[in-house]
Amino acid sequence: METQGRPVQLLWSREEDLTHDFYRPAGAALLRAALDRQGRSIVLAIDSAGDAPAPRWIERALAPQSGVVAGALAALSDLDVPGALQPALNAVAGPLVTPDKSASEGLYDLPYDIAHRRFAHAATHSGVPIGFWRSVGHSHNAFFGEGFIDELAQAAGDDPVAFRLSMLDGLPRHAAVLKLAAQKAGWDDPPAAGRARGVALHESFDSIVAEVVEVSLQARTPRVHRVVCAIDCGTVVNPQIVAQQMESGVIFGLSAALHGRIDIQNGIVRQRNFPDYPILTLAQSPAIETHIIASDRHPGGVGEVAVPPIAPALANALFALTGQRLRELPLRL
């Protein structure tokens, strides 16, 4: 249809948007470890698998123009990339064209001091349209890693905060963030009856975040009452913006951890609107505190960094409350 140069506004209904979106990549990980007689982790082996957004995005962007690039990416094969494309690929995928390093970021580079480590990732191609989700691979890899660290602390018979600190001797910034979150949350004091706390620590986008979640159960449904965040994001110009970004990241991450499920049946996405894809309401939102560590280092990110720790911190709190380990997202008791 000719518009004779006039602009056209295209509106999608929420149902159209939800059922024809680019979704968060599916991922899975198998983590194994060995402890010495003192309960310290000395061996860690991680195998992960999942799709990655950068190759899929390049497919969509370049497939109409370049059959060679499209075919190479579709087959996930090795190919010398044209020099003109390499800078853009490096920016999103490090030195690799496929798989995109964001599929495993936050898992292969866990900060803890473990003597012997091995990591392997298998790239997959699900066929479901996927895209970049807030905090990208860190969003699910923090869940894998920090949930497993809590399991190691349990196996060692150690407190989850103390166990993490024992493996952060060479990383004072990480240790300071974890200590601050624990202190501000009153970690050493027992929570109110019927409540429990969980903790997670994660670095992403040059910022380090620790979060402590306090949760109870109401009719077998998790109710998050309080989230205490500590962050070292380098030099801070406006602390209020940091707090606002942390708060929005916590709400976003909790909505996904509790409700973020997409089901595809016969090629059709079943979730269509808020009744079957809910987000956290104001009444369900916890009190959120943000504590910033003063630093003169270069500024790090704040827009995405609150998301990765929230799901594992909540899962770890639910374990402390119920004794049930939740290893899949969204969390279901």
Foldseek 3Di string as FASTA:
>chain_A
DDPPPDDDDDDDDLLRDVWPDAAAKDKDKDKDFDADPQLATAEIEMEMEIAAAQLLVCLVVCVVPDVVSNVCSVVVHDDDDPPVCQVVCCVQANNDNPPRCLLQPQAQPPPFAHNYYYYYYHYDDDVGRHHADQLRNLLVNQLVVFLVLLVSCVVSVHDSLVNRLVRCPPPVVQNVQSVVQCVVVVVVDDDDPQKFKFKGWTDDQQKIKIKIWIWGADVNAIATAEIEMEMEFAADDDVVVLQVLLQVLLQVQLLFLAQVDWDADPNTTPDRDCVNRNGQDPVRRYHYHYHYDYHNGDGGDRNRVNRNTNNNRVQRRVCVNPVDHASDGNGDD
